[in-house]
Protein backbone atom coordinates (compact mmCIF):
# COMPACT_ATOMS: atom_id res chain seq x y z
CA UNK A 1 4.26 30.65 -4.34
CA UNK A 2 7.62 32.29 -3.69
CA UNK A 3 5.79 35.35 -2.37
CA UNK A 4 3.73 33.20 0.00
CA UNK A 5 6.82 31.36 1.27
CA UNK A 6 8.61 34.66 1.85
CA UNK A 7 5.58 35.90 3.77
CA UNK A 8 5.52 32.75 5.92
CA UNK A 9 9.25 33.02 6.66
CA UNK A 10 8.63 36.44 8.19
CA UNK A 11 6.23 35.01 10.77
CA UNK A 12 7.09 33.64 14.21
CA UNK A 13 8.03 29.94 14.49
CA UNK A 14 4.79 28.98 16.27
CA UNK A 15 2.75 30.59 13.48
CA UNK A 16 4.74 28.69 10.86
CA UNK A 17 4.02 25.43 12.71
CA UNK A 18 0.32 26.26 12.72
CA UNK A 19 0.37 26.86 8.98
CA UNK A 20 2.25 23.61 8.42
CA UNK A 21 -0.26 21.69 10.55
CA UNK A 22 -3.20 23.20 8.64
CA UNK A 23 -1.67 22.25 5.30
CA UNK A 24 -0.81 18.72 6.47
CA UNK A 25 -4.28 18.28 7.96
CA UNK A 26 -5.95 19.47 4.77
CA UNK A 27 -3.94 17.09 2.59
CA UNK A 28 -4.65 14.21 4.98
CA UNK A 29 -8.37 15.03 4.95
CA UNK A 30 -8.50 15.07 1.15
CA UNK A 31 -6.75 11.68 0.95
CA UNK A 32 -9.05 10.22 3.64
CA UNK A 33 -12.20 11.47 1.89
CA UNK A 34 -10.97 9.97 -1.40
CA UNK A 35 -10.26 6.66 0.30
CA UNK A 36 -13.67 6.55 2.01
CA UNK A 37 -15.43 7.54 -1.23
CA UNK A 38 -13.91 4.57 -3.09
CA UNK A 39 -14.21 2.08 -0.23
CA UNK A 40 -17.84 1.24 -0.97
CA UNK A 41 -17.08 0.60 -4.63
CA UNK A 42 -14.19 -1.71 -3.76
CA UNK A 43 -16.17 -3.67 -1.16
CA UNK A 44 -19.22 -4.05 -3.41
CA UNK A 45 -17.23 -5.27 -6.40
CA UNK A 46 -18.33 -8.80 -7.38
CA UNK A 47 -14.87 -9.53 -8.82
CA UNK A 48 -13.03 -8.86 -5.54
CA UNK A 49 -13.03 -12.55 -4.56
CA UNK A 50 -11.91 -13.66 -8.01
CA UNK A 51 -8.85 -11.45 -7.83
CA UNK A 52 -8.01 -12.77 -4.38
CA UNK A 53 -8.35 -16.41 -5.46
CA UNK A 54 -6.20 -15.83 -8.53
CA UNK A 55 -3.43 -14.17 -6.54
CA UNK A 56 -3.55 -16.95 -3.93
CA UNK A 57 -3.33 -19.61 -6.62
CA UNK A 58 -0.47 -17.77 -8.31
CA UNK A 59 1.49 -17.45 -5.07
CA UNK A 60 0.95 -21.12 -4.23
CA UNK A 61 2.03 -22.15 -7.72
CA UNK A 62 5.14 -20.00 -7.44
CA UNK A 63 6.07 -21.57 -4.11
CA UNK A 64 5.65 -25.09 -5.53
CA UNK A 65 7.75 -24.29 -8.60
CA UNK A 66 10.48 -22.67 -6.50
CA UNK A 67 10.71 -25.81 -4.33
CA UNK A 68 12.13 -27.83 -7.23
CA UNK A 69 15.81 -27.29 -7.97
CA UNK A 70 16.86 -27.59 -11.57
CA UNK A 71 20.22 -29.22 -12.39
CA UNK A 72 22.99 -26.63 -12.50
CA UNK A 73 20.94 -24.10 -10.59
CA UNK A 74 22.78 -22.36 -7.78
CA UNK A 75 21.65 -23.17 -4.30
CA UNK A 76 20.90 -20.37 -1.93
CA UNK A 77 18.58 -19.34 0.80
CA UNK A 78 15.02 -20.35 0.12
CA UNK A 79 11.73 -19.68 1.80
CA UNK A 80 9.43 -22.64 2.22
CA UNK A 81 5.75 -21.89 2.59
CA UNK A 82 3.29 -24.36 4.08
CA UNK A 83 -0.36 -23.78 3.37
CA UNK A 84 -3.21 -25.21 5.38
CA UNK A 85 -6.60 -26.27 4.10
CA UNK A 86 -9.80 -26.85 5.99
CA UNK A 87 -11.62 -30.08 5.21
């Protein structure tokens, strides 16, 4: 690797930029292909909705619990969340 870096340092600045762009493009392409390859599995998962409902319930429960102030608890800035439901 040190030999390769020394070889690249000897080149002109525009050639070094080209090499950097090729490397960055290759890494981006590998990440994109990995993401696309797993996208179908994630979308087809039957448990995807269950996870979403659980996290929504947990966040709503946390907001309700945080709304109640216990005696002796310090007061500070709080975030109040209002959720809407469709009937």
